[in-house]
N, C-alpha and C. Protein backbone atom coordinates (compact mmCIF):
# COMPACT_ATOMS: atom_id res chain seq x y z
N UNK A 1 0.84 -1.16 0.00
CA UNK A 1 0.01 0.00 0.00
C UNK A 1 0.88 1.25 -0.01
N UNK A 2 0.46 2.27 -0.69
CA UNK A 2 1.23 3.50 -0.82
C UNK A 2 0.91 4.41 0.36
N UNK A 3 1.97 4.89 1.02
CA UNK A 3 1.81 5.83 2.14
C UNK A 3 1.73 7.26 1.54
N UNK A 4 0.51 7.76 1.49
CA UNK A 4 0.33 9.07 0.86
C UNK A 4 1.06 10.17 1.62
N UNK A 5 1.12 10.10 2.93
CA UNK A 5 1.84 11.13 3.68
C UNK A 5 3.32 11.15 3.31
N UNK A 6 3.94 10.02 3.20
CA UNK A 6 5.35 9.95 2.82
C UNK A 6 5.58 10.48 1.42
N UNK A 7 4.63 10.16 0.52
CA UNK A 7 4.74 10.64 -0.86
C UNK A 7 4.62 12.16 -0.93
N UNK A 8 3.64 12.69 -0.23
CA UNK A 8 3.44 14.15 -0.22
C UNK A 8 4.66 14.85 0.40
N UNK A 9 5.16 14.29 1.54
CA UNK A 9 6.32 14.86 2.20
C UNK A 9 7.54 14.81 1.28
N UNK A 10 7.71 13.72 0.56
CA UNK A 10 8.86 13.58 -0.35
C UNK A 10 8.76 14.59 -1.48
N UNK A 11 7.55 14.76 -2.04
CA UNK A 11 7.34 15.74 -3.08
C UNK A 11 7.62 17.16 -2.61
N UNK A 12 7.12 17.48 -1.41
CA UNK A 12 7.35 18.79 -0.84
C UNK A 12 8.84 19.06 -0.59
N UNK A 13 9.52 18.04 -0.07
CA UNK A 13 10.96 18.20 0.22
C UNK A 13 11.73 18.42 -1.06
N UNK A 14 11.43 17.64 -2.10
CA UNK A 14 12.09 17.82 -3.38
C UNK A 14 11.80 19.19 -3.98
N UNK A 15 10.56 19.62 -3.89
CA UNK A 15 10.19 20.95 -4.38
C UNK A 15 10.88 22.05 -3.64
N UNK A 16 10.96 21.95 -2.31
CA UNK A 16 11.63 22.98 -1.50
C UNK A 16 13.14 23.01 -1.80
N UNK A 17 13.71 21.82 -1.95
CA UNK A 17 15.15 21.76 -2.26
C UNK A 17 15.43 22.40 -3.61
N UNK A 18 14.59 22.11 -4.59
CA UNK A 18 14.78 22.74 -5.93
C UNK A 18 14.59 24.24 -5.87
N UNK A 19 13.60 24.70 -5.07
CA UNK A 19 13.37 26.12 -4.96
C UNK A 19 14.55 26.82 -4.29
N UNK A 20 15.08 26.18 -3.23
CA UNK A 20 16.26 26.74 -2.55
C UNK A 20 17.45 26.79 -3.47
N UNK A 21 17.63 25.71 -4.24
CA UNK A 21 18.77 25.69 -5.17
C UNK A 21 18.63 26.76 -6.23
N UNK A 22 17.40 26.92 -6.74
CA UNK A 22 17.14 27.97 -7.73
C UNK A 22 17.37 29.34 -7.15
N UNK A 23 16.95 29.54 -5.91
CA UNK A 23 17.14 30.82 -5.24
C UNK A 23 18.64 31.11 -5.04
N UNK A 24 19.38 30.07 -4.64
CA UNK A 24 20.83 30.25 -4.44
C UNK A 24 21.51 30.59 -5.74
N UNK A 25 21.07 29.96 -6.83
CA UNK A 25 21.68 30.25 -8.15
C UNK A 25 21.35 31.67 -8.56
N UNK A 26 20.10 32.10 -8.34
CA UNK A 26 19.71 33.48 -8.71
C UNK A 26 20.51 34.48 -7.86
N UNK A 27 20.67 34.21 -6.58
CA UNK A 27 21.43 35.09 -5.69
C UNK A 27 22.88 35.16 -6.13
N UNK A 28 23.48 34.04 -6.47
CA UNK A 28 24.87 34.02 -6.91
C UNK A 28 25.02 34.82 -8.21
N UNK A 29 24.09 34.65 -9.12
CA UNK A 29 24.12 35.40 -10.38
C UNK A 29 23.98 36.91 -10.12
N UNK A 30 23.07 37.26 -9.23
CA UNK A 30 22.88 38.69 -8.92
C UNK A 30 24.13 39.28 -8.26
N UNK A 31 24.74 38.52 -7.33
CA UNK A 31 25.96 39.04 -6.71
C UNK A 31 27.09 39.19 -7.73
N UNK A 32 27.19 38.24 -8.64
CA UNK A 32 28.24 38.34 -9.66
C UNK A 32 28.01 39.53 -10.58
N UNK A 33 26.72 39.85 -10.83
CA UNK A 33 26.42 40.96 -11.71
C UNK A 33 26.64 42.32 -11.03
N UNK A 34 26.60 42.33 -9.71
CA UNK A 34 26.81 43.60 -9.01
C UNK A 34 28.28 43.99 -9.11
N UNK A 35 28.51 45.25 -9.40
CA UNK A 35 29.88 45.71 -9.48
C UNK A 35 30.26 46.33 -8.15
N UNK A 36 31.52 46.16 -7.75
CA UNK A 36 31.95 46.75 -6.46
C UNK A 36 32.01 48.27 -6.59
N UNK A 37 31.89 48.93 -5.48
CA UNK A 37 32.05 50.39 -5.46
C UNK A 37 33.50 50.74 -5.75
N UNK A 38 33.70 51.69 -6.62
CA UNK A 38 35.04 52.13 -6.97
C UNK A 38 35.20 53.59 -6.57
N UNK A 39 36.38 54.10 -6.72
CA UNK A 39 36.66 55.51 -6.40
C UNK A 39 35.81 56.43 -7.29
N UNK A 40 35.43 55.95 -8.46
CA UNK A 40 34.68 56.79 -9.38
C UNK A 40 33.24 57.09 -8.91
N UNK A 41 32.84 56.47 -7.81
CA UNK A 41 31.50 56.69 -7.25
C UNK A 41 31.44 57.97 -6.40
N UNK A 42 32.57 58.59 -6.15
CA UNK A 42 32.63 59.70 -5.18
C UNK A 42 32.86 61.04 -5.84
N UNK A 43 32.56 62.08 -5.12
CA UNK A 43 32.83 63.42 -5.60
C UNK A 43 33.25 64.27 -4.40
N UNK A 44 33.88 65.40 -4.74
CA UNK A 44 34.31 66.37 -3.74
C UNK A 44 33.76 67.74 -4.13
N UNK A 45 33.39 68.52 -3.16
CA UNK A 45 33.11 69.92 -3.46
C UNK A 45 34.44 70.54 -3.89
N UNK A 46 34.42 71.38 -4.88
CA UNK A 46 35.63 71.98 -5.37
C UNK A 46 36.02 73.21 -4.52
N UNK A 47 37.29 73.56 -4.50
CA UNK A 47 37.72 74.77 -3.82
C UNK A 47 37.04 75.95 -4.45
N UNK A 48 36.86 75.91 -5.76
CA UNK A 48 36.05 76.91 -6.46
C UNK A 48 35.50 76.24 -7.70
N UNK A 49 34.32 76.61 -8.12
CA UNK A 49 33.73 76.05 -9.29
C UNK A 49 32.85 74.83 -8.98
N UNK A 50 32.51 74.10 -10.03
CA UNK A 50 31.61 72.92 -9.84
C UNK A 50 32.31 71.80 -9.08
N UNK A 51 31.50 70.89 -8.54
CA UNK A 51 32.03 69.73 -7.82
C UNK A 51 33.00 68.94 -8.68
N UNK A 52 33.93 68.30 -8.00
CA UNK A 52 34.86 67.40 -8.67
C UNK A 52 34.27 66.00 -8.58
N UNK A 53 33.74 65.55 -9.68
CA UNK A 53 33.11 64.22 -9.74
C UNK A 53 34.15 63.23 -10.27
N UNK A 54 34.53 62.29 -9.43
CA UNK A 54 35.56 61.32 -9.88
C UNK A 54 35.04 60.46 -11.02
N UNK A 55 33.73 60.35 -11.20
CA UNK A 55 33.19 59.62 -12.36
C UNK A 55 33.68 60.21 -13.67
N UNK A 56 34.00 61.49 -13.67
CA UNK A 56 34.52 62.13 -14.90
C UNK A 56 35.91 61.60 -15.25
N UNK A 57 36.55 60.91 -14.32
CA UNK A 57 37.89 60.37 -14.56
C UNK A 57 37.85 58.86 -14.81
N UNK A 58 36.67 58.29 -14.97
CA UNK A 58 36.50 56.84 -15.15
C UNK A 58 37.44 56.35 -16.25
N UNK A 59 38.15 55.27 -15.93
CA UNK A 59 39.06 54.67 -16.88
C UNK A 59 40.43 55.30 -16.98
N UNK A 60 40.66 56.33 -16.18
CA UNK A 60 41.96 57.02 -16.19
C UNK A 60 42.56 56.98 -14.78
N UNK A 61 43.85 56.78 -14.69
CA UNK A 61 44.50 56.79 -13.37
C UNK A 61 44.36 58.18 -12.71
N UNK A 62 44.31 58.16 -11.42
CA UNK A 62 44.05 59.38 -10.65
C UNK A 62 44.77 59.26 -9.30
N UNK A 63 45.36 60.36 -8.85
CA UNK A 63 45.95 60.39 -7.53
C UNK A 63 45.15 61.35 -6.64
N UNK A 64 44.76 60.86 -5.46
CA UNK A 64 44.02 61.70 -4.51
C UNK A 64 44.98 61.91 -3.32
N UNK A 65 45.25 63.20 -3.03
CA UNK A 65 46.23 63.57 -2.01
C UNK A 65 45.63 64.50 -1.02
N UNK A 66 45.70 64.11 0.30
CA UNK A 66 45.25 65.10 1.30
C UNK A 66 46.36 66.09 1.55
N UNK A 67 46.02 67.37 1.52
CA UNK A 67 47.01 68.44 1.58
C UNK A 67 46.80 69.37 2.75
N UNK A 68 47.77 70.20 3.01
CA UNK A 68 47.69 71.22 4.09
C UNK A 68 48.69 72.32 3.75
N UNK A 69 48.30 73.56 4.11
CA UNK A 69 49.12 74.73 3.78
C UNK A 69 50.25 75.00 4.72
N UNK A 70 50.15 74.54 5.98
CA UNK A 70 51.14 74.86 6.98
C UNK A 70 51.94 73.68 7.46
N UNK A 71 52.12 72.70 6.59
CA UNK A 71 52.78 71.44 6.90
C UNK A 71 54.23 71.43 6.41
N UNK A 72 55.06 70.68 7.07
CA UNK A 72 56.41 70.53 6.58
C UNK A 72 56.46 69.87 5.19
N UNK A 73 55.40 69.15 4.82
CA UNK A 73 55.32 68.54 3.49
C UNK A 73 54.67 69.44 2.45
N UNK A 74 54.24 70.64 2.84
CA UNK A 74 53.58 71.53 1.91
C UNK A 74 54.36 71.76 0.62
N UNK A 75 55.69 71.82 0.67
CA UNK A 75 56.46 71.98 -0.61
C UNK A 75 56.21 70.82 -1.59
N UNK A 76 55.58 69.73 -1.16
CA UNK A 76 55.24 68.65 -2.09
C UNK A 76 54.23 69.13 -3.16
N UNK A 77 53.56 70.25 -2.90
CA UNK A 77 52.69 70.81 -3.95
C UNK A 77 53.48 70.94 -5.26
N UNK A 78 54.71 71.41 -5.14
CA UNK A 78 55.56 71.62 -6.34
C UNK A 78 55.84 70.25 -7.03
N UNK A 79 56.10 69.24 -6.25
CA UNK A 79 56.32 67.90 -6.81
C UNK A 79 55.06 67.33 -7.43
N UNK A 80 53.92 67.55 -6.79
CA UNK A 80 52.64 67.12 -7.35
C UNK A 80 52.39 67.79 -8.69
N UNK A 81 52.67 69.09 -8.75
CA UNK A 81 52.48 69.81 -10.02
C UNK A 81 53.41 69.27 -11.10
N UNK A 82 54.63 68.93 -10.74
CA UNK A 82 55.58 68.36 -11.69
C UNK A 82 55.07 67.00 -12.19
N UNK A 83 54.59 66.19 -11.27
CA UNK A 83 54.04 64.86 -11.62
C UNK A 83 52.84 65.02 -12.53
N UNK A 84 51.95 65.94 -12.20
CA UNK A 84 50.78 66.18 -13.02
C UNK A 84 51.17 66.68 -14.40
N UNK A 85 52.12 67.61 -14.47
CA UNK A 85 52.57 68.14 -15.76
C UNK A 85 53.19 67.05 -16.64
N UNK A 86 53.93 66.14 -16.02
CA UNK A 86 54.62 65.07 -16.75
C UNK A 86 53.64 64.06 -17.34
N UNK A 87 52.58 63.74 -16.59
CA UNK A 87 51.69 62.64 -17.01
C UNK A 87 50.28 63.04 -17.42
N UNK A 88 49.94 64.30 -17.25
CA UNK A 88 48.53 64.75 -17.52
C UNK A 88 48.13 64.53 -18.98
N UNK A 89 48.99 64.79 -19.90
CA UNK A 89 48.66 64.61 -21.32
C UNK A 89 48.41 63.13 -21.69
N UNK A 90 48.84 62.22 -20.85
CA UNK A 90 48.62 60.79 -21.10
C UNK A 90 47.36 60.30 -20.38
N UNK A 91 46.64 61.18 -19.68
CA UNK A 91 45.36 60.81 -19.08
C UNK A 91 45.37 60.77 -17.57
N UNK A 92 46.49 61.09 -16.94
CA UNK A 92 46.60 61.03 -15.48
C UNK A 92 46.15 62.35 -14.87
N UNK A 93 45.55 62.26 -13.69
CA UNK A 93 45.17 63.51 -13.00
C UNK A 93 45.45 63.37 -11.50
N UNK A 94 45.43 64.52 -10.86
CA UNK A 94 45.64 64.59 -9.39
C UNK A 94 44.50 65.44 -8.84
N UNK A 95 44.00 65.02 -7.68
CA UNK A 95 43.04 65.84 -6.98
C UNK A 95 43.65 66.16 -5.59
N UNK A 96 43.85 67.41 -5.32
CA UNK A 96 44.31 67.86 -4.02
C UNK A 96 43.12 68.01 -3.07
N UNK A 97 43.22 67.44 -1.88
CA UNK A 97 42.13 67.45 -0.94
C UNK A 97 42.59 68.03 0.40
N UNK A 98 42.41 69.36 0.58
CA UNK A 98 42.85 69.99 1.83
C UNK A 98 42.13 69.40 3.05
N UNK A 99 42.90 69.24 4.14
CA UNK A 99 42.35 68.70 5.36
C UNK A 99 43.06 69.35 6.54
N UNK A 100 42.30 69.58 7.60
CA UNK A 100 42.85 70.15 8.81
C UNK A 100 43.01 69.08 9.90
N UNK A 101 42.99 67.83 9.54
CA UNK A 101 42.97 66.72 10.50
C UNK A 101 44.27 66.48 11.23
N UNK A 102 45.38 66.89 10.68
CA UNK A 102 46.69 66.56 11.29
C UNK A 102 47.39 67.83 11.70
N UNK A 103 47.45 68.04 12.98
CA UNK A 103 48.20 69.19 13.53
C UNK A 103 47.52 70.54 13.25
N UNK A 104 46.29 70.54 12.83
CA UNK A 104 45.59 71.81 12.53
C UNK A 104 46.34 72.63 11.48
N UNK A 105 46.93 71.95 10.49
CA UNK A 105 47.80 72.61 9.54
C UNK A 105 47.12 73.13 8.29
N UNK A 106 45.77 73.08 8.31
CA UNK A 106 45.00 73.72 7.24
C UNK A 106 43.85 74.49 7.86
N UNK A 107 44.18 75.51 8.65
CA UNK A 107 43.15 76.25 9.39
C UNK A 107 42.34 77.22 8.55
N UNK A 108 42.86 77.61 7.42
CA UNK A 108 42.21 78.64 6.60
C UNK A 108 41.04 78.17 5.80
N UNK A 109 40.42 79.11 5.12
CA UNK A 109 39.32 78.80 4.21
C UNK A 109 39.81 78.71 2.76
N UNK A 110 38.85 78.74 1.87
CA UNK A 110 39.19 78.59 0.43
C UNK A 110 40.18 79.62 -0.07
N UNK A 111 40.07 80.84 0.37
CA UNK A 111 40.97 81.90 -0.11
C UNK A 111 42.42 81.59 0.31
N UNK A 112 42.60 81.22 1.58
CA UNK A 112 43.97 80.94 2.08
C UNK A 112 44.53 79.68 1.40
N UNK A 113 43.69 78.68 1.22
CA UNK A 113 44.15 77.43 0.60
C UNK A 113 44.56 77.72 -0.86
N UNK A 114 43.75 78.49 -1.58
CA UNK A 114 44.08 78.83 -2.95
C UNK A 114 45.37 79.65 -3.00
N UNK A 115 45.56 80.53 -2.06
CA UNK A 115 46.78 81.36 -2.04
C UNK A 115 48.00 80.45 -1.95
N UNK A 116 47.98 79.46 -1.07
CA UNK A 116 49.11 78.58 -0.91
C UNK A 116 49.30 77.69 -2.15
N UNK A 117 48.23 76.94 -2.51
CA UNK A 117 48.34 75.95 -3.59
C UNK A 117 48.54 76.59 -4.98
N UNK A 118 47.67 77.53 -5.28
CA UNK A 118 47.62 78.03 -6.67
C UNK A 118 48.54 79.23 -6.90
N UNK A 119 48.80 80.00 -5.88
CA UNK A 119 49.63 81.20 -6.09
C UNK A 119 51.09 80.98 -5.65
N UNK A 120 51.31 80.35 -4.50
CA UNK A 120 52.68 80.09 -4.07
C UNK A 120 53.32 78.93 -4.85
N UNK A 121 52.55 77.84 -5.05
CA UNK A 121 53.11 76.66 -5.69
C UNK A 121 52.64 76.46 -7.13
N UNK A 122 51.82 77.38 -7.65
CA UNK A 122 51.37 77.39 -9.03
C UNK A 122 50.69 76.10 -9.46
N UNK A 123 49.91 75.51 -8.54
CA UNK A 123 49.19 74.26 -8.81
C UNK A 123 48.08 74.55 -9.81
N UNK A 124 47.99 73.69 -10.81
CA UNK A 124 46.93 73.79 -11.81
C UNK A 124 46.00 72.57 -11.82
N UNK A 125 46.32 71.55 -11.05
CA UNK A 125 45.43 70.40 -10.97
C UNK A 125 44.24 70.74 -10.06
N UNK A 126 43.14 70.01 -10.18
CA UNK A 126 41.94 70.34 -9.38
C UNK A 126 42.19 70.26 -7.86
N UNK A 127 41.59 71.22 -7.15
CA UNK A 127 41.67 71.25 -5.69
C UNK A 127 40.24 71.19 -5.14
N UNK A 128 40.07 70.30 -4.18
CA UNK A 128 38.78 70.17 -3.49
C UNK A 128 38.69 71.19 -2.36
N UNK A 129 37.48 71.34 -1.88
CA UNK A 129 37.28 72.13 -0.65
C UNK A 129 37.78 71.30 0.52
N UNK A 130 38.03 71.95 1.64
CA UNK A 130 38.55 71.27 2.82
C UNK A 130 37.56 70.22 3.35
N UNK A 131 38.06 69.03 3.64
CA UNK A 131 37.24 67.92 4.19
C UNK A 131 38.01 67.22 5.32
N UNK A 132 37.29 66.36 6.03
CA UNK A 132 37.93 65.47 7.00
C UNK A 132 38.33 64.17 6.31
N UNK A 133 39.56 63.74 6.58
CA UNK A 133 40.02 62.47 5.96
C UNK A 133 40.16 61.38 7.02
N UNK A 134 39.98 61.72 8.30
CA UNK A 134 39.96 60.76 9.39
C UNK A 134 38.95 61.21 10.41
N UNK A 135 38.63 60.29 11.33
CA UNK A 135 37.75 60.66 12.45
C UNK A 135 36.31 60.89 12.09
N UNK A 136 35.56 61.48 13.00
CA UNK A 136 34.13 61.74 12.75
C UNK A 136 34.00 62.68 11.56
N UNK A 137 33.02 62.40 10.73
CA UNK A 137 32.77 63.26 9.58
C UNK A 137 33.70 62.99 8.41
N UNK A 138 34.39 61.86 8.42
CA UNK A 138 35.32 61.53 7.32
C UNK A 138 34.57 61.55 5.99
N UNK A 139 35.17 62.15 4.99
CA UNK A 139 34.59 62.18 3.66
C UNK A 139 34.37 60.74 3.18
N UNK A 140 33.25 60.49 2.44
CA UNK A 140 32.97 59.11 1.96
C UNK A 140 34.11 58.46 1.17
N UNK A 141 34.83 59.22 0.36
CA UNK A 141 35.98 58.63 -0.39
C UNK A 141 36.98 58.04 0.58
N UNK A 142 37.31 58.77 1.63
CA UNK A 142 38.31 58.30 2.59
C UNK A 142 37.78 57.15 3.44
N UNK A 143 36.48 57.10 3.71
CA UNK A 143 35.90 55.92 4.41
C UNK A 143 36.02 54.69 3.50
N UNK A 144 35.72 54.86 2.21
CA UNK A 144 35.82 53.78 1.23
C UNK A 144 37.30 53.28 1.16
N UNK A 145 38.23 54.22 1.08
CA UNK A 145 39.65 53.86 0.94
C UNK A 145 40.11 53.12 2.21
N UNK A 146 39.64 53.55 3.37
CA UNK A 146 40.01 52.88 4.61
C UNK A 146 39.48 51.45 4.69
N UNK A 147 38.32 51.23 4.11
CA UNK A 147 37.78 49.86 4.07
C UNK A 147 38.56 49.03 3.06
N UNK A 148 38.92 49.63 1.96
CA UNK A 148 39.66 48.91 0.91
C UNK A 148 41.10 48.61 1.34
N UNK A 149 41.74 49.54 2.04
CA UNK A 149 43.15 49.37 2.43
C UNK A 149 43.31 49.85 3.88
N UNK A 150 42.81 49.05 4.82
CA UNK A 150 42.82 49.51 6.24
C UNK A 150 44.22 49.77 6.84
N UNK A 151 45.23 49.20 6.28
CA UNK A 151 46.60 49.42 6.80
C UNK A 151 47.24 50.64 6.16
N UNK A 152 46.58 51.22 5.17
CA UNK A 152 47.16 52.31 4.40
C UNK A 152 46.35 53.60 4.51
N UNK A 153 45.83 53.91 5.67
CA UNK A 153 45.05 55.13 5.84
C UNK A 153 45.97 56.31 6.09
N UNK A 154 45.53 57.53 5.78
CA UNK A 154 46.38 58.69 6.07
C UNK A 154 46.76 58.79 7.50
N UNK A 155 48.03 59.00 7.76
CA UNK A 155 48.55 59.22 9.11
C UNK A 155 49.06 60.67 9.27
N UNK A 156 49.11 61.36 8.14
CA UNK A 156 49.56 62.73 8.12
C UNK A 156 49.17 63.36 6.77
N UNK A 157 49.47 64.62 6.60
CA UNK A 157 49.19 65.33 5.36
C UNK A 157 50.06 64.80 4.20
N UNK A 158 49.55 64.94 3.00
CA UNK A 158 50.23 64.53 1.77
C UNK A 158 50.38 63.02 1.63
N UNK A 159 49.38 62.29 2.15
CA UNK A 159 49.23 60.89 1.92
C UNK A 159 48.63 60.72 0.52
N UNK A 160 49.12 59.76 -0.27
CA UNK A 160 48.74 59.67 -1.66
C UNK A 160 48.13 58.34 -2.01
N UNK A 161 46.88 58.38 -2.54
CA UNK A 161 46.22 57.19 -3.07
C UNK A 161 46.30 57.26 -4.58
N UNK A 162 46.84 56.23 -5.22
CA UNK A 162 46.85 56.12 -6.66
C UNK A 162 45.68 55.23 -7.05
N UNK A 163 44.76 55.75 -7.81
CA UNK A 163 43.59 54.99 -8.27
C UNK A 163 43.89 54.51 -9.69
N UNK A 164 43.70 53.21 -9.89
CA UNK A 164 43.96 52.63 -11.22
C UNK A 164 42.80 52.85 -12.17
N UNK A 165 42.99 52.42 -13.41
CA UNK A 165 41.95 52.58 -14.40
C UNK A 165 40.63 51.91 -14.02
N UNK A 166 40.73 50.82 -13.21
CA UNK A 166 39.55 50.10 -12.80
C UNK A 166 38.80 50.77 -11.64
N UNK A 167 39.35 51.87 -11.13
CA UNK A 167 38.72 52.56 -10.03
C UNK A 167 39.10 52.05 -8.66
N UNK A 168 39.94 51.02 -8.60
CA UNK A 168 40.43 50.51 -7.31
C UNK A 168 41.73 51.19 -6.93
N UNK A 169 42.13 50.98 -5.69
CA UNK A 169 43.39 51.58 -5.22
C UNK A 169 44.54 50.73 -5.76
N UNK A 170 45.33 51.34 -6.64
CA UNK A 170 46.44 50.65 -7.29
C UNK A 170 47.69 50.68 -6.41
N UNK A 171 47.86 51.78 -5.67
CA UNK A 171 49.05 51.93 -4.83
C UNK A 171 48.79 53.04 -3.83
N UNK A 172 49.57 53.03 -2.79
CA UNK A 172 49.48 54.03 -1.72
C UNK A 172 50.91 54.49 -1.36
N UNK A 173 51.03 55.81 -1.18
CA UNK A 173 52.34 56.36 -0.82
C UNK A 173 52.19 57.23 0.42
N UNK A 174 53.02 56.96 1.40
CA UNK A 174 53.01 57.70 2.65
C UNK A 174 53.42 59.15 2.42
N UNK A 175 53.15 59.96 3.40
CA UNK A 175 53.43 61.40 3.33
C UNK A 175 54.87 61.70 3.00
N UNK A 176 55.80 60.93 3.55
CA UNK A 176 57.22 61.21 3.36
C UNK A 176 57.71 60.90 1.96
N UNK A 177 56.94 60.16 1.17
CA UNK A 177 57.36 59.83 -0.19
C UNK A 177 57.05 61.00 -1.11
N UNK A 178 58.09 61.55 -1.70
CA UNK A 178 57.95 62.71 -2.57
C UNK A 178 57.17 62.32 -3.85
N UNK A 179 56.34 63.21 -4.35
CA UNK A 179 55.60 62.91 -5.55
C UNK A 179 56.48 62.60 -6.78
N UNK A 180 57.69 63.10 -6.79
CA UNK A 180 58.61 62.87 -7.93
C UNK A 180 59.55 61.66 -7.69
N UNK A 181 59.31 60.94 -6.57
CA UNK A 181 60.09 59.74 -6.27
C UNK A 181 59.89 58.73 -7.41
N UNK A 182 60.94 58.00 -7.72
CA UNK A 182 60.89 57.02 -8.78
C UNK A 182 59.77 55.98 -8.55
N UNK A 183 59.51 55.61 -7.32
CA UNK A 183 58.45 54.65 -7.05
C UNK A 183 57.09 55.17 -7.45
N UNK A 184 56.86 56.47 -7.22
CA UNK A 184 55.58 57.08 -7.59
C UNK A 184 55.47 57.15 -9.10
N UNK A 185 56.52 57.65 -9.74
CA UNK A 185 56.48 57.78 -11.19
C UNK A 185 56.30 56.43 -11.87
N UNK A 186 56.98 55.42 -11.36
CA UNK A 186 56.84 54.09 -11.93
C UNK A 186 55.43 53.56 -11.77
N UNK A 187 54.82 53.77 -10.58
CA UNK A 187 53.47 53.32 -10.36
C UNK A 187 52.48 54.05 -11.25
N UNK A 188 52.65 55.34 -11.46
CA UNK A 188 51.80 56.11 -12.34
C UNK A 188 51.93 55.61 -13.79
N UNK A 189 53.17 55.41 -14.22
CA UNK A 189 53.41 54.92 -15.59
C UNK A 189 52.79 53.53 -15.77
N UNK A 190 52.89 52.69 -14.76
CA UNK A 190 52.29 51.34 -14.81
C UNK A 190 50.76 51.44 -14.88
N UNK A 191 50.19 52.35 -14.09
CA UNK A 191 48.74 52.53 -14.11
C UNK A 191 48.26 53.03 -15.46
N UNK A 192 49.04 53.91 -16.08
CA UNK A 192 48.69 54.40 -17.41
C UNK A 192 48.80 53.31 -18.47
N UNK A 193 49.77 52.40 -18.29
CA UNK A 193 49.99 51.35 -19.27
C UNK A 193 48.91 50.23 -19.15
N UNK A 194 48.33 50.04 -17.98
CA UNK A 194 47.32 49.03 -17.78
C UNK A 194 46.12 49.34 -18.67
N UNK A 195 45.63 48.30 -19.36
CA UNK A 195 44.47 48.54 -20.22
C UNK A 195 43.22 48.00 -19.64
């Protein structure tokens, strides 16, 4: 004699297992189709003019540097400008991001920041408005970078994130590494060569 309860239970179990398997496959496909957040998802208010939307740099290497006007590393503005001038025609850009997070070395407003960057050091690459790069109120780009590279967060001014063509962090350079250092130039050239 056929046990109808066992048959119904078996049918339900097989159906549930198939539904779960189908659901797992759909979830896996959806997760694979989702693209990770990249640097190109963020923007900065500009020191002057329209916002600096990193999406406008999609597919091109980019360096994001937190800056300060009263820091011992402030002369790196000149090196950043040299680096920008050398590689800009090949598609590379730099975004300067003033921050007062380290030693209170960027206390001024937009006028004072522009005076230092654009008039003293003749910077022509885009400059963002002052933001927090650590602590409460950290700008979303820097929160993303800290999640992506937790051991490579800014510890002082002139910390450099090199963003590759894919929008991920290709390399990181500490404050003490000069923008014209061979390691930086080699990394930028490599990022430009990546297709």
